[in-house]
Amino acid sequence: MNTIRREGIGVTESVECADDLYPTRSVTTSVPFRRHDPVVWSDGDDAARGPLSAEEVAAYDRDGFLAFDALLDPAEVDECRREMRRMATDAALRSSGRVVAEPDSDDIRSVFEVHRHSAVFERVVHSGRLADRARQVLGSDVYLHQSRINYKAAFDGSKFGWHSDFETWHSEDGMPAPRALSFSVALTDNLPFNGPLMIIPGSQRTFVPSVGRTPPGYHKLSLLGKNLPAGPADRTAVAALAERHGIRQFTGAAGSAVMFDCNCLHASGGNVSPFPRTNLFVVYNSVDNRLTRPYAAPEARPQYLADRTFTPVPRAEDRPSR
């Protein structure tokens, strides 16, 4: 039996739990508590082995994210754009459930598991520019938990509300610990007015439980951004963390990227501008943090949302020569 200490605004309490250090969706009030696990899982010499400098590793540990001006070059961006347009009209993908439309239009909101349906995106997600950074921070080999394209259409692109990805992946996918991270790679210019990513720095160290049980088939509605009983972060907790740490908005040219911890509270506003915003999201999980049964959902989400093959991303030295 584990005992955890939960501290909220004017509230301190101890909770006993059997196998779950991050209880959520089983509570009647959301009382945030301090994360039990590290943000950077490698240390000493291991932390220095990789493309990130010691200063960058320390900044990631402190803030929960790092921004990169040009992770993809212009030719790669052009290739990805052609693929994102092709996938948006792929009838087989649409019929498979991997394409999610906007809640109030036929515009595409997201396409999932893109690395399995495109050689272009497979090359990107296996690239050492992404995977080596993930290995360095997570302190192990990594596998692809999820990949997707988020399309935010001009004029009508809808928002993504404040949330922690880990809260969802823990509850609905059975991810035991916050030993995962995401890359958001800009495939179009991310501008202040077309709904760029926002993150609360330092929020990766606070777990915010959600109130409300997870109903069956919840992912079919939650992916649309619907306000349902489970999932969204508690507004009081978001406000308190934002007051304490501020909010960082990420803008940049196509090819730029943000790498962020799975427990960071993040969101993006709707896009009413005439400029679309499309990003590739790549999620790496440690091979030592494999999914189990969901912690707070009646069934696991589909494979295209939460991969359960756990195949490590090949290291450069292990890839076959051509």
C-alpha atoms as a PDB file:
ATOM      1  CA  MET A   1       0.000   0.000   0.000  1.00  0.00           C
ATOM      2  CA  ASN A   2       1.382   3.405  -0.991  1.00  0.00           C
ATOM      3  CA  THR A   3       0.644   6.615   0.872  1.00  0.00           C
ATOM      4  CA  ILE A   4       0.761   9.859  -1.092  1.00  0.00           C
ATOM      5  CA  ARG A   5       0.461  13.410   0.143  1.00  0.00           C
ATOM      6  CA  ARG A   6      -1.868  15.663  -1.817  1.00  0.00           C
ATOM      7  CA  GLU A   7      -1.618  19.401  -1.339  1.00  0.00           C
ATOM      8  CA  GLY A   8      -4.026  21.862  -2.872  1.00  0.00           C
ATOM      9  CA  ILE A   9      -5.199  25.377  -2.232  1.00  0.00           C
ATOM     10  CA  GLY A  10      -5.983  25.380   1.478  1.00  0.00           C
ATOM     11  CA  VAL A  11      -6.102  21.571   1.504  1.00  0.00           C
ATOM     12  CA  THR A  12      -3.611  18.968   2.699  1.00  0.00           C
ATOM     13  CA  GLU A  13      -4.516  15.301   2.941  1.00  0.00           C
ATOM     14  CA  SER A  14      -2.955  11.837   2.804  1.00  0.00           C
ATOM     15  CA  VAL A  15      -4.441   9.159   0.559  1.00  0.00           C
ATOM     16  CA  GLU A  16      -3.661   5.430   0.577  1.00  0.00           C
ATOM     17  CA  CYS A  17      -3.637   3.643  -2.765  1.00  0.00           C
ATOM     18  CA  ALA A  18      -2.763   0.092  -3.749  1.00  0.00           C
ATOM     19  CA  ASP A  19      -0.900   0.246  -7.067  1.00  0.00           C
ATOM     20  CA  ASP A  20      -1.624   3.755  -8.273  1.00  0.00           C
ATOM     21  CA  LEU A  21       0.595   6.702  -7.382  1.00  0.00           C
ATOM     22  CA  TYR A  22      -1.536   9.031  -9.537  1.00  0.00           C
ATOM     23  CA  PRO A  23      -5.198   8.447  -8.593  1.00  0.00           C
ATOM     24  CA  THR A  24      -7.663  10.358 -10.745  1.00  0.00           C
ATOM     25  CA  ARG A  25     -11.271  10.138 -11.962  1.00  0.00           C
ATOM     26  CA  SER A  26     -12.163   8.431  -8.710  1.00  0.00           C
ATOM     27  CA  VAL A  27     -12.263  11.626  -6.658  1.00  0.00           C
ATOM     28  CA  THR A  28     -15.037  14.102  -5.919  1.00  0.00           C
ATOM     29  CA  THR A  29     -12.710  17.109  -5.741  1.00  0.00           C
ATOM     30  CA  SER A  30      -9.490  17.774  -7.615  1.00  0.00           C
ATOM     31  CA  VAL A  31      -6.638  18.189  -5.124  1.00  0.00           C
ATOM     32  CA  PRO A  32      -3.316  18.591  -6.997  1.00  0.00           C
ATOM     33  CA  PHE A  33      -0.243  16.899  -5.579  1.00  0.00           C
ATOM     34  CA  ARG A  34       3.470  16.877  -6.269  1.00  0.00           C
ATOM     35  CA  ARG A  35       4.741  14.445  -8.867  1.00  0.00           C
ATOM     36  CA  HIS A  36       6.479  11.382  -7.395  1.00  0.00           C
ATOM     37  CA  ASP A  37       8.800  10.665 -10.310  1.00  0.00           C
ATOM     38  CA  PRO A  38      11.683  12.569 -11.911  1.00  0.00           C
ATOM     39  CA  VAL A  39      11.314  14.708 -15.018  1.00  0.00           C
ATOM     40  CA  VAL A  40      14.761  13.807 -16.341  1.00  0.00           C
ATOM     41  CA  TRP A  41      15.275  10.078 -15.808  1.00  0.00           C
ATOM     42  CA  SER A  42      18.951   9.888 -16.727  1.00  0.00           C
ATOM     43  CA  ASP A  43      21.676  11.277 -14.479  1.00  0.00           C
ATOM     44  CA  GLY A  44      25.425  11.701 -14.339  1.00  0.00           C
ATOM     45  CA  ASP A  45      27.239  10.521 -17.440  1.00  0.00           C
ATOM     46  CA  ASP A  46      24.019   9.138 -18.955  1.00  0.00           C
ATOM     47  CA  ALA A  47      22.429  12.604 -18.935  1.00  0.00           C
ATOM     48  CA  ALA A  48      25.383  13.925 -20.939  1.00  0.00           C
ATOM     49  CA  ARG A  49      25.092  11.255 -23.643  1.00  0.00           C
ATOM     50  CA  GLY A  50      22.944  12.771 -26.354  1.00  0.00           C
ATOM     51  CA  PRO A  51      22.371  15.858 -28.476  1.00  0.00           C
ATOM     52  CA  LEU A  52      21.160  18.042 -25.593  1.00  0.00           C
ATOM     53  CA  SER A  53      23.662  20.143 -23.675  1.00  0.00           C
ATOM     54  CA  ALA A  54      23.817  20.101 -19.880  1.00  0.00           C
ATOM     55  CA  GLU A  55      22.142  23.523 -19.897  1.00  0.00           C
ATOM     56  CA  GLU A  56      19.298  22.255 -22.087  1.00  0.00           C
ATOM     57  CA  VAL A  57      18.757  19.206 -19.876  1.00  0.00           C
ATOM     58  CA  ALA A  58      18.627  21.463 -16.803  1.00  0.00           C
ATOM     59  CA  ALA A  59      16.151  23.806 -18.523  1.00  0.00           C
ATOM     60  CA  TYR A  60      13.919  20.871 -19.483  1.00  0.00           C
ATOM     61  CA  ASP A  61      14.020  19.603 -15.912  1.00  0.00           C
ATOM     62  CA  ARG A  62      13.077  23.072 -14.602  1.00  0.00           C
ATOM     63  CA  ASP A  63      10.436  24.116 -17.142  1.00  0.00           C
ATOM     64  CA  GLY A  64       9.206  20.834 -18.612  1.00  0.00           C
ATOM     65  CA  PHE A  65       9.938  21.785 -22.217  1.00  0.00           C
ATOM     66  CA  LEU A  66      12.512  22.874 -24.794  1.00  0.00           C
ATOM     67  CA  ALA A  67      11.916  24.783 -28.040  1.00  0.00           C
ATOM     68  CA  PHE A  68      13.902  24.304 -31.248  1.00  0.00           C
ATOM     69  CA  ASP A  69      13.982  26.819 -34.095  1.00  0.00           C
ATOM     70  CA  ALA A  70      14.535  24.369 -36.968  1.00  0.00           C
ATOM     71  CA  LEU A  71      14.140  20.669 -36.226  1.00  0.00           C
ATOM     72  CA  LEU A  72      13.088  19.933 -39.835  1.00  0.00           C
ATOM     73  CA  ASP A  73      14.641  21.539 -42.902  1.00  0.00           C
ATOM     74  CA  PRO A  74      12.491  23.164 -45.643  1.00  0.00           C
ATOM     75  CA  ALA A  75      12.637  20.105 -47.915  1.00  0.00           C
ATOM     76  CA  GLU A  76      11.397  17.849 -45.111  1.00  0.00           C
ATOM     77  CA  VAL A  77       8.618  20.300 -44.283  1.00  0.00           C
ATOM     78  CA  ASP A  78       7.482  20.257 -47.925  1.00  0.00           C
ATOM     79  CA  GLU A  79       7.454  16.447 -47.914  1.00  0.00           C
ATOM     80  CA  CYS A  80       5.422  16.384 -44.706  1.00  0.00           C
ATOM     81  CA  ARG A  81       2.946  18.903 -46.073  1.00  0.00           C
ATOM     82  CA  ARG A  82       2.317  16.765 -49.148  1.00  0.00           C
ATOM     83  CA  GLU A  83       1.738  13.777 -46.904  1.00  0.00           C
ATOM     84  CA  MET A  84      -0.577  15.618 -44.530  1.00  0.00           C
ATOM     85  CA  ARG A  85      -2.735  16.700 -47.492  1.00  0.00           C
ATOM     86  CA  ARG A  86      -2.812  13.146 -48.856  1.00  0.00           C
ATOM     87  CA  MET A  87      -3.744  11.624 -45.512  1.00  0.00           C
ATOM     88  CA  ALA A  88      -6.571  14.083 -44.969  1.00  0.00           C
ATOM     89  CA  THR A  89      -8.329  12.646 -48.027  1.00  0.00           C
ATOM     90  CA  ASP A  90      -7.396   8.976 -47.564  1.00  0.00           C
ATOM     91  CA  ALA A  91     -10.665   7.026 -47.608  1.00  0.00           C
ATOM     92  CA  ALA A  92      -9.190   3.975 -45.861  1.00  0.00           C
ATOM     93  CA  LEU A  93      -7.896   6.090 -42.987  1.00  0.00           C
ATOM     94  CA  ARG A  94     -11.254   7.824 -42.664  1.00  0.00           C
ATOM     95  CA  SER A  95     -13.121   4.533 -42.428  1.00  0.00           C
ATOM     96  CA  SER A  96     -10.646   3.175 -39.842  1.00  0.00           C
ATOM     97  CA  GLY A  97     -11.489   5.791 -37.204  1.00  0.00           C
ATOM     98  CA  ARG A  98      -8.023   7.332 -37.364  1.00  0.00           C
ATOM     99  CA  VAL A  99      -9.346  10.570 -38.870  1.00  0.00           C
ATOM    100  CA  VAL A 100     -11.218  12.841 -36.451  1.00  0.00           C
ATOM    101  CA  ALA A 101     -13.329  15.683 -37.836  1.00  0.00           C
ATOM    102  CA  GLU A 102     -14.010  18.999 -36.144  1.00  0.00           C
ATOM    103  CA  PRO A 103     -17.062  18.818 -33.867  1.00  0.00           C
ATOM    104  CA  ASP A 104     -19.080  21.332 -35.882  1.00  0.00           C
ATOM    105  CA  SER A 105     -17.813  20.871 -39.457  1.00  0.00           C
ATOM    106  CA  ASP A 106     -16.272  18.410 -41.886  1.00  0.00           C
ATOM    107  CA  ASP A 107     -12.822  19.965 -41.465  1.00  0.00           C
ATOM    108  CA  ILE A 108     -10.150  17.549 -40.241  1.00  0.00           C
ATOM    109  CA  ARG A 109      -9.138  17.953 -36.588  1.00  0.00           C
ATOM    110  CA  SER A 110      -6.648  15.063 -36.234  1.00  0.00           C
ATOM    111  CA  VAL A 111      -5.211  12.035 -38.024  1.00  0.00           C
ATOM    112  CA  PHE A 112      -3.684   9.337 -35.820  1.00  0.00           C
ATOM    113  CA  GLU A 113      -0.960   6.717 -36.262  1.00  0.00           C
ATOM    114  CA  VAL A 114       0.572   8.609 -39.154  1.00  0.00           C
ATOM    115  CA  HIS A 115       3.963   6.884 -38.849  1.00  0.00           C
ATOM    116  CA  ARG A 116       2.341   3.570 -39.808  1.00  0.00           C
ATOM    117  CA  HIS A 117       0.666   4.988 -42.900  1.00  0.00           C
ATOM    118  CA  SER A 118       3.408   7.163 -44.334  1.00  0.00           C
ATOM    119  CA  ALA A 119       7.074   6.428 -45.041  1.00  0.00           C
ATOM    120  CA  VAL A 120       7.746  10.167 -44.768  1.00  0.00           C
ATOM    121  CA  PHE A 121       6.405  10.414 -41.215  1.00  0.00           C
ATOM    122  CA  GLU A 122       8.030   7.113 -40.268  1.00  0.00           C
ATOM    123  CA  ARG A 123      11.420   8.610 -41.183  1.00  0.00           C
ATOM    124  CA  VAL A 124      10.709  11.715 -39.122  1.00  0.00           C
ATOM    125  CA  VAL A 125       9.618   9.877 -35.971  1.00  0.00           C
ATOM    126  CA  HIS A 126      12.600   7.484 -36.215  1.00  0.00           C
ATOM    127  CA  SER A 127      14.993  10.370 -36.744  1.00  0.00           C
ATOM    128  CA  GLY A 128      17.718  10.765 -34.159  1.00  0.00           C
ATOM    129  CA  ARG A 129      16.878  14.462 -33.993  1.00  0.00           C
ATOM    130  CA  LEU A 130      13.733  13.456 -32.112  1.00  0.00           C
ATOM    131  CA  ALA A 131      14.370   9.978 -30.712  1.00  0.00           C
ATOM    132  CA  ASP A 132      17.890  10.674 -29.408  1.00  0.00           C
ATOM    133  CA  ARG A 133      16.641  13.633 -27.398  1.00  0.00           C
ATOM    134  CA  ALA A 134      13.831  11.491 -26.003  1.00  0.00           C
ATOM    135  CA  ARG A 135      16.249   8.721 -25.023  1.00  0.00           C
ATOM    136  CA  GLN A 136      18.551  11.210 -23.319  1.00  0.00           C
ATOM    137  CA  VAL A 137      15.776  12.655 -21.157  1.00  0.00           C
ATOM    138  CA  LEU A 138      13.890   9.424 -20.465  1.00  0.00           C
ATOM    139  CA  GLY A 139      17.051   7.447 -19.701  1.00  0.00           C
ATOM    140  CA  SER A 140      16.183   4.393 -21.790  1.00  0.00           C
ATOM    141  CA  ASP A 141      15.221   3.147 -25.201  1.00  0.00           C
ATOM    142  CA  VAL A 142      11.879   4.515 -26.327  1.00  0.00           C
ATOM    143  CA  TYR A 143       8.938   3.369 -28.415  1.00  0.00           C
ATOM    144  CA  LEU A 144       6.188   5.308 -30.145  1.00  0.00           C
ATOM    145  CA  HIS A 145       3.161   5.580 -27.907  1.00  0.00           C
ATOM    146  CA  GLN A 146       1.275   7.737 -30.415  1.00  0.00           C
ATOM    147  CA  SER A 147       1.693   9.858 -33.532  1.00  0.00           C
ATOM    148  CA  ARG A 148      -0.804  12.253 -35.030  1.00  0.00           C
ATOM    149  CA  ILE A 149      -1.289  15.335 -37.142  1.00  0.00           C
ATOM    150  CA  ASN A 150      -3.393  18.100 -35.623  1.00  0.00           C
ATOM    151  CA  TYR A 151      -4.973  20.247 -38.335  1.00  0.00           C
ATOM    152  CA  LYS A 152      -6.295  23.576 -37.141  1.00  0.00           C
ATOM    153  CA  ALA A 153      -8.204  24.964 -40.102  1.00  0.00           C
ATOM    154  CA  ALA A 154      -8.280  28.643 -40.996  1.00  0.00           C
ATOM    155  CA  PHE A 155     -11.289  30.554 -39.584  1.00  0.00           C
ATOM    156  CA  ASP A 156     -12.861  27.499 -37.889  1.00  0.00           C
ATOM    157  CA  GLY A 157     -10.113  25.492 -36.159  1.00  0.00           C
ATOM    158  CA  SER A 158     -11.330  24.580 -32.677  1.00  0.00           C
ATOM    159  CA  LYS A 159      -9.437  24.840 -29.409  1.00  0.00           C
ATOM    160  CA  PHE A 160      -7.706  22.179 -27.308  1.00  0.00           C
ATOM    161  CA  GLY A 161      -8.529  22.871 -23.649  1.00  0.00           C
ATOM    162  CA  TRP A 162      -6.116  22.743 -20.719  1.00  0.00           C
ATOM    163  CA  HIS A 163      -5.020  19.205 -19.916  1.00  0.00           C
ATOM    164  CA  SER A 164      -2.147  16.932 -18.944  1.00  0.00           C
ATOM    165  CA  ASP A 165      -1.544  14.169 -21.477  1.00  0.00           C
ATOM    166  CA  PHE A 166      -0.287  11.895 -18.729  1.00  0.00           C
ATOM    167  CA  GLU A 167      -3.608  12.165 -16.883  1.00  0.00           C
ATOM    168  CA  THR A 168      -5.315  10.758 -19.992  1.00  0.00           C
ATOM    169  CA  TRP A 169      -2.655   8.169 -20.779  1.00  0.00           C
ATOM    170  CA  HIS A 170      -2.593   6.983 -17.165  1.00  0.00           C
ATOM    171  CA  SER A 171      -6.382   6.811 -16.837  1.00  0.00           C
ATOM    172  CA  GLU A 172      -7.325   5.431 -20.244  1.00  0.00           C
ATOM    173  CA  ASP A 173      -4.184   3.709 -21.553  1.00  0.00           C
ATOM    174  CA  GLY A 174      -2.612   2.325 -18.374  1.00  0.00           C
ATOM    175  CA  MET A 175       0.665   4.269 -18.509  1.00  0.00           C
ATOM    176  CA  PRO A 176       2.143   3.695 -15.033  1.00  0.00           C
ATOM    177  CA  ALA A 177       4.467   6.694 -14.631  1.00  0.00           C
ATOM    178  CA  PRO A 178       5.071  10.059 -16.342  1.00  0.00           C
ATOM    179  CA  ARG A 179       8.117   8.726 -18.230  1.00  0.00           C
ATOM    180  CA  ALA A 180       7.050   9.950 -21.657  1.00  0.00           C
ATOM    181  CA  LEU A 181       7.337  13.110 -23.717  1.00  0.00           C
ATOM    182  CA  SER A 182       5.947  14.705 -26.861  1.00  0.00           C
ATOM    183  CA  PHE A 183       7.293  16.658 -29.790  1.00  0.00           C
ATOM    184  CA  SER A 184       5.036  19.220 -31.445  1.00  0.00           C
ATOM    185  CA  VAL A 185       6.596  19.907 -34.854  1.00  0.00           C
ATOM    186  CA  ALA A 186       5.246  22.847 -36.857  1.00  0.00           C
ATOM    187  CA  LEU A 187       4.307  21.942 -40.428  1.00  0.00           C
ATOM    188  CA  THR A 188       2.905  25.429 -41.019  1.00  0.00           C
ATOM    189  CA  ASP A 189       3.932  28.683 -39.379  1.00  0.00           C
ATOM    190  CA  ASN A 190       2.686  28.822 -35.791  1.00  0.00           C
ATOM    191  CA  LEU A 191       1.617  32.429 -35.254  1.00  0.00           C
ATOM    192  CA  PRO A 192       0.307  34.305 -32.198  1.00  0.00           C
ATOM    193  CA  PHE A 193      -3.154  34.445 -33.768  1.00  0.00           C
ATOM    194  CA  ASN A 194      -3.682  30.972 -35.294  1.00  0.00           C
ATOM    195  CA  GLY A 195      -3.927  28.922 -32.099  1.00  0.00           C
ATOM    196  CA  PRO A 196      -0.345  28.069 -31.088  1.00  0.00           C
ATOM    197  CA  LEU A 197       0.586  25.747 -28.247  1.00  0.00           C
ATOM    198  CA  MET A 198       0.591  27.161 -24.694  1.00  0.00           C
ATOM    199  CA  ILE A 199       2.317  25.514 -21.714  1.00  0.00           C
ATOM    200  CA  ILE A 200       2.476  26.430 -18.021  1.00  0.00           C
ATOM    201  CA  PRO A 201       6.204  26.204 -17.161  1.00  0.00           C
ATOM    202  CA  GLY A 202       6.894  24.043 -14.128  1.00  0.00           C
ATOM    203  CA  SER A 203       3.464  22.408 -14.216  1.00  0.00           C
ATOM    204  CA  GLN A 204       5.103  19.067 -15.041  1.00  0.00           C
ATOM    205  CA  ARG A 205       5.864  18.693 -11.321  1.00  0.00           C
ATOM    206  CA  THR A 206       2.202  18.892 -10.225  1.00  0.00           C
ATOM    207  CA  PHE A 207      -0.340  16.174 -10.983  1.00  0.00           C
ATOM    208  CA  VAL A 208      -3.883  17.518 -11.298  1.00  0.00           C
ATOM    209  CA  PRO A 209      -6.531  14.784 -10.861  1.00  0.00           C
ATOM    210  CA  SER A 210      -9.736  14.963 -12.865  1.00  0.00           C
ATOM    211  CA  VAL A 211     -13.189  14.651 -11.350  1.00  0.00           C
ATOM    212  CA  GLY A 212     -15.698  12.318 -12.963  1.00  0.00           C
ATOM    213  CA  ARG A 213     -15.697   8.685 -14.015  1.00  0.00           C
ATOM    214  CA  THR A 214     -14.625   7.659 -17.526  1.00  0.00           C
ATOM    215  CA  PRO A 215     -17.676   6.445 -19.472  1.00  0.00           C
ATOM    216  CA  PRO A 216     -17.387   3.634 -22.046  1.00  0.00           C
ATOM    217  CA  GLY A 217     -16.149   4.837 -25.454  1.00  0.00           C
ATOM    218  CA  TYR A 218     -15.090   8.158 -23.960  1.00  0.00           C
ATOM    219  CA  HIS A 219     -12.274   8.713 -26.478  1.00  0.00           C
ATOM    220  CA  LYS A 220     -14.748   9.077 -29.346  1.00  0.00           C
ATOM    221  CA  LEU A 221     -16.054  12.289 -27.799  1.00  0.00           C
ATOM    222  CA  SER A 222     -12.999  13.540 -25.907  1.00  0.00           C
ATOM    223  CA  LEU A 223     -10.969  13.697 -29.136  1.00  0.00           C
ATOM    224  CA  LEU A 224     -13.508  16.221 -30.385  1.00  0.00           C
ATOM    225  CA  GLY A 225     -12.780  18.497 -27.432  1.00  0.00           C
ATOM    226  CA  LYS A 226     -16.214  18.001 -25.927  1.00  0.00           C
ATOM    227  CA  ASN A 227     -16.681  19.050 -22.295  1.00  0.00           C
ATOM    228  CA  LEU A 228     -17.518  15.752 -20.636  1.00  0.00           C
ATOM    229  CA  PRO A 229     -17.426  14.557 -17.014  1.00  0.00           C
ATOM    230  CA  ALA A 230     -13.877  13.162 -17.156  1.00  0.00           C
ATOM    231  CA  GLY A 231     -10.574  14.397 -18.500  1.00  0.00           C
ATOM    232  CA  PRO A 232     -10.233  18.206 -18.543  1.00  0.00           C
ATOM    233  CA  ALA A 233      -7.949  19.773 -15.963  1.00  0.00           C
ATOM    234  CA  ASP A 234      -9.513  21.481 -12.970  1.00  0.00           C
ATOM    235  CA  ARG A 235      -9.830  25.211 -13.705  1.00  0.00           C
ATOM    236  CA  THR A 236      -8.933  26.285 -10.174  1.00  0.00           C
ATOM    237  CA  ALA A 237      -5.711  24.288 -10.350  1.00  0.00           C
ATOM    238  CA  VAL A 238      -4.869  25.644 -13.824  1.00  0.00           C
ATOM    239  CA  ALA A 239      -5.450  29.199 -12.649  1.00  0.00           C
ATOM    240  CA  ALA A 240      -3.311  28.726  -9.535  1.00  0.00           C
ATOM    241  CA  LEU A 241      -0.417  27.195 -11.488  1.00  0.00           C
ATOM    242  CA  ALA A 242      -0.617  29.899 -14.159  1.00  0.00           C
ATOM    243  CA  GLU A 243      -0.579  32.610 -11.499  1.00  0.00           C
ATOM    244  CA  ARG A 244       2.506  31.011  -9.963  1.00  0.00           C
ATOM    245  CA  HIS A 245       4.444  30.135 -13.126  1.00  0.00           C
ATOM    246  CA  GLY A 246       2.944  32.137 -16.001  1.00  0.00           C
ATOM    247  CA  ILE A 247       2.088  30.815 -19.461  1.00  0.00           C
ATOM    248  CA  ARG A 248       4.501  30.321 -22.356  1.00  0.00           C
ATOM    249  CA  GLN A 249       3.173  30.584 -25.913  1.00  0.00           C
ATOM    250  CA  PHE A 250       5.131  28.843 -28.682  1.00  0.00           C
ATOM    251  CA  THR A 251       5.312  30.440 -32.098  1.00  0.00           C
ATOM    252  CA  GLY A 252       7.748  29.675 -34.878  1.00  0.00           C
ATOM    253  CA  ALA A 253       8.244  28.985 -38.541  1.00  0.00           C
ATOM    254  CA  ALA A 254       7.390  25.661 -40.149  1.00  0.00           C
ATOM    255  CA  GLY A 255      10.051  23.170 -39.096  1.00  0.00           C
ATOM    256  CA  SER A 256      10.352  24.510 -35.548  1.00  0.00           C
ATOM    257  CA  ALA A 257       9.370  22.275 -32.644  1.00  0.00           C
ATOM    258  CA  VAL A 258       8.666  21.998 -28.924  1.00  0.00           C
ATOM    259  CA  MET A 259       9.596  18.962 -26.830  1.00  0.00           C
ATOM    260  CA  PHE A 260       7.570  18.742 -23.606  1.00  0.00           C
ATOM    261  CA  ASP A 261       7.000  16.463 -20.641  1.00  0.00           C
ATOM    262  CA  CYS A 262       3.846  14.356 -20.645  1.00  0.00           C
ATOM    263  CA  ASN A 263       2.533  15.948 -17.433  1.00  0.00           C
ATOM    264  CA  CYS A 264       2.825  19.577 -18.556  1.00  0.00           C
ATOM    265  CA  LEU A 265      -0.478  21.430 -18.511  1.00  0.00           C
ATOM    266  CA  HIS A 266      -0.976  22.717 -22.043  1.00  0.00           C
ATOM    267  CA  ALA A 267      -3.667  24.017 -24.366  1.00  0.00           C
ATOM    268  CA  SER A 268      -4.201  25.907 -27.606  1.00  0.00           C
ATOM    269  CA  GLY A 269      -6.835  28.422 -28.569  1.00  0.00           C
ATOM    270  CA  GLY A 270      -9.187  28.281 -31.532  1.00  0.00           C
ATOM    271  CA  ASN A 271      -8.103  29.615 -34.905  1.00  0.00           C
ATOM    272  CA  VAL A 272     -10.262  32.394 -36.351  1.00  0.00           C
ATOM    273  CA  SER A 273      -7.400  33.743 -38.466  1.00  0.00           C
ATOM    274  CA  PRO A 274      -7.171  33.080 -42.230  1.00  0.00           C
ATOM    275  CA  PHE A 275      -3.956  31.100 -41.645  1.00  0.00           C
ATOM    276  CA  PRO A 276      -4.177  27.355 -40.887  1.00  0.00           C
ATOM    277  CA  ARG A 277      -1.970  25.802 -38.188  1.00  0.00           C
ATOM    278  CA  THR A 278      -0.933  22.188 -38.672  1.00  0.00           C
ATOM    279  CA  ASN A 279       1.483  20.337 -36.381  1.00  0.00           C
ATOM    280  CA  LEU A 280       2.896  16.825 -36.183  1.00  0.00           C
ATOM    281  CA  PHE A 281       2.755  15.325 -32.677  1.00  0.00           C
ATOM    282  CA  VAL A 282       5.074  12.459 -31.787  1.00  0.00           C
ATOM    283  CA  VAL A 283       4.901  10.750 -28.380  1.00  0.00           C
ATOM    284  CA  TYR A 284       7.794   8.666 -27.060  1.00  0.00           C
ATOM    285  CA  ASN A 285       7.389   6.439 -24.006  1.00  0.00           C
ATOM    286  CA  SER A 286      10.153   4.590 -22.176  1.00  0.00           C
ATOM    287  CA  VAL A 287      10.345   0.861 -22.914  1.00  0.00           C
ATOM    288  CA  ASP A 288      10.510   0.499 -19.107  1.00  0.00           C
ATOM    289  CA  ASN A 289       7.130   2.220 -18.722  1.00  0.00           C
ATOM    290  CA  ARG A 290       4.946  -0.156 -20.712  1.00  0.00           C
ATOM    291  CA  LEU A 291       1.193   0.155 -20.599  1.00  0.00           C
ATOM    292  CA  THR A 292      -0.845  -2.031 -18.275  1.00  0.00           C
ATOM    293  CA  ARG A 293      -4.603  -2.095 -17.828  1.00  0.00           C
ATOM    294  CA  PRO A 294      -6.242   1.358 -17.679  1.00  0.00           C
ATOM    295  CA  TYR A 295      -6.171   2.867 -14.199  1.00  0.00           C
ATOM    296  CA  ALA A 296      -9.493   4.702 -14.490  1.00  0.00           C
ATOM    297  CA  ALA A 297     -11.405   3.555 -17.559  1.00  0.00           C
ATOM    298  CA  PRO A 298     -13.607   0.532 -18.331  1.00  0.00           C
ATOM    299  CA  GLU A 299     -11.521  -0.456 -21.372  1.00  0.00           C
ATOM    300  CA  ALA A 300      -8.261   0.466 -23.093  1.00  0.00           C
ATOM    301  CA  ARG A 301      -8.293   2.879 -26.003  1.00  0.00           C
ATOM    302  CA  PRO A 302      -7.620   1.556 -29.535  1.00  0.00           C
ATOM    303  CA  GLN A 303      -4.102   0.661 -30.656  1.00  0.00           C
ATOM    304  CA  TYR A 304      -3.870   3.687 -32.957  1.00  0.00           C
ATOM    305  CA  LEU A 305      -4.223   5.959 -29.901  1.00  0.00           C
ATOM    306  CA  ALA A 306      -1.996   3.951 -27.545  1.00  0.00           C
ATOM    307  CA  ASP A 307       0.459   1.529 -29.127  1.00  0.00           C
ATOM    308  CA  ARG A 308       0.928  -1.728 -27.230  1.00  0.00           C
ATOM    309  CA  THR A 309       3.579  -3.340 -29.404  1.00  0.00           C
ATOM    310  CA  PHE A 310       6.341  -1.552 -27.424  1.00  0.00           C
ATOM    311  CA  THR A 311       8.830  -1.902 -30.297  1.00  0.00           C
ATOM    312  CA  PRO A 312      11.893   0.275 -29.571  1.00  0.00           C
ATOM    313  CA  VAL A 313      12.699   2.991 -32.083  1.00  0.00           C
ATOM    314  CA  PRO A 314      15.912   1.763 -33.774  1.00  0.00           C
ATOM    315  CA  ARG A 315      19.100   3.549 -32.844  1.00  0.00           C
ATOM    316  CA  ALA A 316      21.223   4.833 -35.731  1.00  0.00           C
ATOM    317  CA  GLU A 317      23.847   2.137 -35.165  1.00  0.00           C
ATOM    318  CA  ASP A 318      21.168  -0.593 -35.292  1.00  0.00           C
ATOM    319  CA  ARG A 319      19.530   0.509 -38.551  1.00  0.00           C
ATOM    320  CA  PRO A 320      20.340  -1.588 -41.625  1.00  0.00           C
ATOM    321  CA  SER A 321      22.666   0.110 -44.108  1.00  0.00           C
ATOM    322  CA  ARG A 322      21.290   0.887 -47.541  1.00  0.00           C
END
